[in-house]
Amino acid sequence: MKALRPAILKLLPILLLSACSMPDLLVSTAPHKIKLKDGREVLCDGEPQLQEKTGYYRYRTPDKRDGVIRADEVAGIIGTGA
């Protein structure tokens, strides 16, 4: 056990740093389109997240800006799979 301790102490910082550099695997970063009831389409990076408390979808635009759209204006959300 004592021989294993130095190896663990050397590997631990490497593992922690590599875990921090990984993208969040739970959030989809594939492009999506939000189709609005009036016919417009909004492009976004990743899947929009519905904030049930406020009734808005939050999303990130391709130019890395945050945006919101009222949920009752949304006709559908389509993943483009690109």
N, C-alpha and C. Protein backbone atom coordinates (compact mmCIF):
# COMPACT_ATOMS: atom_id res chain seq x y z
N MET A 1 0.82 -1.19 0.00
CA MET A 1 0.00 0.00 0.00
C MET A 1 0.87 1.26 0.00
N LYS A 2 1.97 1.24 0.76
CA LYS A 2 2.83 2.41 0.83
C LYS A 2 3.51 2.68 -0.52
N ALA A 3 3.78 1.65 -1.28
CA ALA A 3 4.41 1.82 -2.59
C ALA A 3 3.44 2.41 -3.60
N LEU A 4 2.16 2.19 -3.38
CA LEU A 4 1.13 2.69 -4.30
C LEU A 4 0.82 4.17 -4.08
N ARG A 5 1.03 4.64 -2.86
CA ARG A 5 0.68 6.02 -2.51
C ARG A 5 1.40 7.07 -3.37
N PRO A 6 2.72 6.98 -3.61
CA PRO A 6 3.39 7.98 -4.45
C PRO A 6 2.85 8.01 -5.89
N ALA A 7 2.52 6.84 -6.41
CA ALA A 7 1.98 6.79 -7.77
C ALA A 7 0.61 7.47 -7.83
N ILE A 8 -0.21 7.25 -6.84
CA ILE A 8 -1.53 7.88 -6.79
C ILE A 8 -1.39 9.38 -6.66
N LEU A 9 -0.48 9.83 -5.81
CA LEU A 9 -0.29 11.26 -5.62
C LEU A 9 0.23 11.95 -6.88
N LYS A 10 0.98 11.22 -7.71
CA LYS A 10 1.47 11.79 -8.96
C LYS A 10 0.37 11.83 -10.03
N LEU A 11 -0.50 10.84 -10.04
CA LEU A 11 -1.55 10.76 -11.06
C LEU A 11 -2.76 11.63 -10.74
N LEU A 12 -3.02 11.88 -9.47
CA LEU A 12 -4.21 12.62 -9.07
C LEU A 12 -4.30 14.00 -9.71
N PRO A 13 -3.25 14.83 -9.70
CA PRO A 13 -3.36 16.15 -10.36
C PRO A 13 -3.62 16.05 -11.86
N ILE A 14 -3.03 15.06 -12.50
CA ILE A 14 -3.24 14.88 -13.94
C ILE A 14 -4.69 14.53 -14.22
N LEU A 15 -5.24 13.63 -13.43
CA LEU A 15 -6.65 13.24 -13.61
C LEU A 15 -7.59 14.41 -13.35
N LEU A 16 -7.31 15.18 -12.32
CA LEU A 16 -8.17 16.33 -12.01
C LEU A 16 -8.13 17.38 -13.11
N LEU A 17 -6.94 17.66 -13.63
CA LEU A 17 -6.82 18.65 -14.70
C LEU A 17 -7.49 18.18 -15.99
N SER A 18 -7.36 16.91 -16.30
CA SER A 18 -7.99 16.41 -17.52
C SER A 18 -9.51 16.39 -17.38
N ALA A 19 -10.03 16.14 -16.20
CA ALA A 19 -11.48 16.16 -15.99
C ALA A 19 -12.02 17.57 -16.14
N CYS A 20 -11.26 18.56 -15.73
CA CYS A 20 -11.71 19.95 -15.85
C CYS A 20 -11.73 20.42 -17.30
N SER A 21 -10.90 19.83 -18.13
CA SER A 21 -10.83 20.28 -19.52
C SER A 21 -11.85 19.59 -20.42
N MET A 22 -12.54 18.57 -19.92
CA MET A 22 -13.53 17.86 -20.72
C MET A 22 -14.81 18.68 -20.83
N PRO A 23 -15.47 18.66 -21.99
CA PRO A 23 -16.75 19.37 -22.10
C PRO A 23 -17.81 18.66 -21.27
N ASP A 24 -18.83 19.39 -20.92
CA ASP A 24 -19.92 18.81 -20.15
C ASP A 24 -20.64 17.78 -21.01
N LEU A 25 -20.59 16.54 -20.62
CA LEU A 25 -21.14 15.47 -21.44
C LEU A 25 -22.66 15.39 -21.35
N LEU A 26 -23.26 16.05 -20.38
CA LEU A 26 -24.70 15.98 -20.23
C LEU A 26 -25.44 17.00 -21.09
N VAL A 27 -24.75 18.01 -21.56
CA VAL A 27 -25.37 19.07 -22.35
C VAL A 27 -25.02 18.87 -23.81
N SER A 28 -26.04 18.80 -24.63
CA SER A 28 -25.82 18.62 -26.06
C SER A 28 -25.27 19.91 -26.66
N THR A 29 -24.20 19.80 -27.45
CA THR A 29 -23.65 20.98 -28.10
C THR A 29 -23.90 20.95 -29.60
N ALA A 30 -24.72 20.01 -30.06
CA ALA A 30 -25.06 19.95 -31.48
C ALA A 30 -25.98 21.11 -31.82
N PRO A 31 -25.87 21.67 -33.02
CA PRO A 31 -26.74 22.78 -33.41
C PRO A 31 -28.22 22.37 -33.41
N HIS A 32 -29.06 23.28 -33.03
CA HIS A 32 -30.51 23.09 -33.02
C HIS A 32 -31.17 24.30 -33.67
N LYS A 33 -32.41 24.08 -34.11
CA LYS A 33 -33.25 25.17 -34.61
C LYS A 33 -34.49 25.24 -33.74
N ILE A 34 -34.83 26.46 -33.34
CA ILE A 34 -36.09 26.68 -32.65
C ILE A 34 -37.05 27.23 -33.69
N LYS A 35 -38.12 26.50 -33.97
CA LYS A 35 -39.13 26.97 -34.92
C LYS A 35 -40.21 27.69 -34.13
N LEU A 36 -40.48 28.93 -34.55
CA LEU A 36 -41.49 29.72 -33.87
C LEU A 36 -42.82 29.60 -34.60
N LYS A 37 -43.90 29.89 -33.89
CA LYS A 37 -45.24 29.77 -34.45
C LYS A 37 -45.48 30.73 -35.60
N ASP A 38 -44.74 31.84 -35.64
CA ASP A 38 -44.91 32.81 -36.73
C ASP A 38 -44.08 32.47 -37.96
N GLY A 39 -43.38 31.30 -37.93
CA GLY A 39 -42.62 30.85 -39.10
C GLY A 39 -41.14 31.13 -39.04
N ARG A 40 -40.69 31.94 -38.13
CA ARG A 40 -39.26 32.23 -38.01
C ARG A 40 -38.52 31.04 -37.42
N GLU A 41 -37.23 30.97 -37.69
CA GLU A 41 -36.36 29.95 -37.12
C GLU A 41 -35.18 30.63 -36.45
N VAL A 42 -34.81 30.13 -35.29
CA VAL A 42 -33.69 30.67 -34.55
C VAL A 42 -32.66 29.56 -34.40
N LEU A 43 -31.42 29.81 -34.85
CA LEU A 43 -30.34 28.85 -34.71
C LEU A 43 -29.72 28.97 -33.33
N CYS A 44 -29.36 27.83 -32.76
CA CYS A 44 -28.69 27.88 -31.46
C CYS A 44 -27.70 26.73 -31.35
N ASP A 45 -26.68 26.94 -30.53
CA ASP A 45 -25.70 25.90 -30.21
C ASP A 45 -26.23 25.11 -29.03
N GLY A 46 -26.37 23.82 -29.20
CA GLY A 46 -26.88 22.99 -28.11
C GLY A 46 -28.39 23.05 -28.04
N GLU A 47 -28.94 22.19 -27.23
CA GLU A 47 -30.38 22.12 -27.09
C GLU A 47 -30.86 23.20 -26.13
N PRO A 48 -31.89 23.97 -26.51
CA PRO A 48 -32.45 24.98 -25.61
C PRO A 48 -33.01 24.33 -24.35
N GLN A 49 -32.89 25.00 -23.24
CA GLN A 49 -33.36 24.48 -21.96
C GLN A 49 -34.58 25.26 -21.51
N LEU A 50 -35.67 24.53 -21.24
CA LEU A 50 -36.90 25.17 -20.76
C LEU A 50 -36.76 25.49 -19.28
N GLN A 51 -36.97 26.74 -18.95
CA GLN A 51 -36.99 27.17 -17.56
C GLN A 51 -38.47 27.19 -17.13
N GLU A 52 -38.91 26.11 -16.51
CA GLU A 52 -40.33 25.98 -16.20
C GLU A 52 -40.83 27.07 -15.27
N LYS A 53 -39.98 27.55 -14.42
CA LYS A 53 -40.37 28.58 -13.45
C LYS A 53 -40.77 29.89 -14.16
N THR A 54 -40.05 30.22 -15.24
CA THR A 54 -40.30 31.48 -15.93
C THR A 54 -41.11 31.31 -17.21
N GLY A 55 -41.13 30.09 -17.76
CA GLY A 55 -41.85 29.86 -19.01
C GLY A 55 -41.07 30.29 -20.25
N TYR A 56 -39.76 30.36 -20.14
CA TYR A 56 -38.90 30.75 -21.25
C TYR A 56 -37.92 29.65 -21.58
N TYR A 57 -37.54 29.56 -22.86
CA TYR A 57 -36.44 28.71 -23.29
C TYR A 57 -35.18 29.55 -23.28
N ARG A 58 -34.12 29.04 -22.68
CA ARG A 58 -32.82 29.69 -22.71
C ARG A 58 -31.96 28.95 -23.71
N TYR A 59 -31.19 29.69 -24.49
CA TYR A 59 -30.34 29.08 -25.51
C TYR A 59 -29.11 29.94 -25.73
N ARG A 60 -28.14 29.37 -26.45
CA ARG A 60 -26.92 30.09 -26.81
C ARG A 60 -26.86 30.18 -28.33
N THR A 61 -26.62 31.37 -28.84
CA THR A 61 -26.55 31.59 -30.28
C THR A 61 -25.21 31.09 -30.82
N PRO A 62 -25.12 30.88 -32.15
CA PRO A 62 -23.83 30.46 -32.73
C PRO A 62 -22.68 31.43 -32.46
N ASP A 63 -23.00 32.72 -32.23
CA ASP A 63 -21.94 33.68 -31.91
C ASP A 63 -21.74 33.84 -30.39
N LYS A 64 -22.15 32.81 -29.64
CA LYS A 64 -21.89 32.68 -28.20
C LYS A 64 -22.59 33.72 -27.34
N ARG A 65 -23.77 34.15 -27.75
CA ARG A 65 -24.58 35.05 -26.93
C ARG A 65 -25.73 34.25 -26.34
N ASP A 66 -26.20 34.66 -25.17
CA ASP A 66 -27.35 34.01 -24.55
C ASP A 66 -28.63 34.65 -25.04
N GLY A 67 -29.67 33.82 -25.17
CA GLY A 67 -30.96 34.33 -25.60
C GLY A 67 -32.09 33.61 -24.89
N VAL A 68 -33.27 34.22 -24.92
CA VAL A 68 -34.47 33.63 -24.34
C VAL A 68 -35.63 33.83 -25.29
N ILE A 69 -36.54 32.85 -25.30
CA ILE A 69 -37.76 32.92 -26.10
C ILE A 69 -38.89 32.36 -25.24
N ARG A 70 -40.02 33.04 -25.26
CA ARG A 70 -41.18 32.55 -24.50
C ARG A 70 -41.60 31.19 -25.03
N ALA A 71 -41.88 30.27 -24.14
CA ALA A 71 -42.23 28.91 -24.52
C ALA A 71 -43.51 28.85 -25.35
N ASP A 72 -44.44 29.75 -25.12
CA ASP A 72 -45.69 29.70 -25.89
C ASP A 72 -45.54 30.22 -27.31
N GLU A 73 -44.38 30.76 -27.66
CA GLU A 73 -44.10 31.18 -29.04
C GLU A 73 -43.42 30.07 -29.85
N VAL A 74 -42.99 28.99 -29.18
CA VAL A 74 -42.21 27.92 -29.83
C VAL A 74 -43.16 26.87 -30.41
N ALA A 75 -42.99 26.60 -31.71
CA ALA A 75 -43.75 25.53 -32.37
C ALA A 75 -43.01 24.20 -32.26
N GLY A 76 -41.68 24.23 -32.23
CA GLY A 76 -40.91 23.01 -32.09
C GLY A 76 -39.42 23.29 -32.06
N ILE A 77 -38.68 22.27 -31.64
CA ILE A 77 -37.22 22.35 -31.58
C ILE A 77 -36.67 21.17 -32.35
N ILE A 78 -35.76 21.46 -33.28
CA ILE A 78 -35.22 20.43 -34.16
C ILE A 78 -33.71 20.40 -34.01
N GLY A 79 -33.16 19.22 -33.76
CA GLY A 79 -31.72 19.04 -33.77
C GLY A 79 -31.25 18.89 -35.20
N THR A 80 -30.25 19.67 -35.61
CA THR A 80 -29.80 19.61 -37.00
C THR A 80 -28.78 18.52 -37.22
N GLY A 81 -28.19 17.98 -36.15
CA GLY A 81 -27.27 16.86 -36.27
C GLY A 81 -25.98 17.16 -37.01
N ALA A 82 -25.60 18.40 -37.11
CA ALA A 82 -24.37 18.76 -37.82
C ALA A 82 -23.17 18.60 -36.94
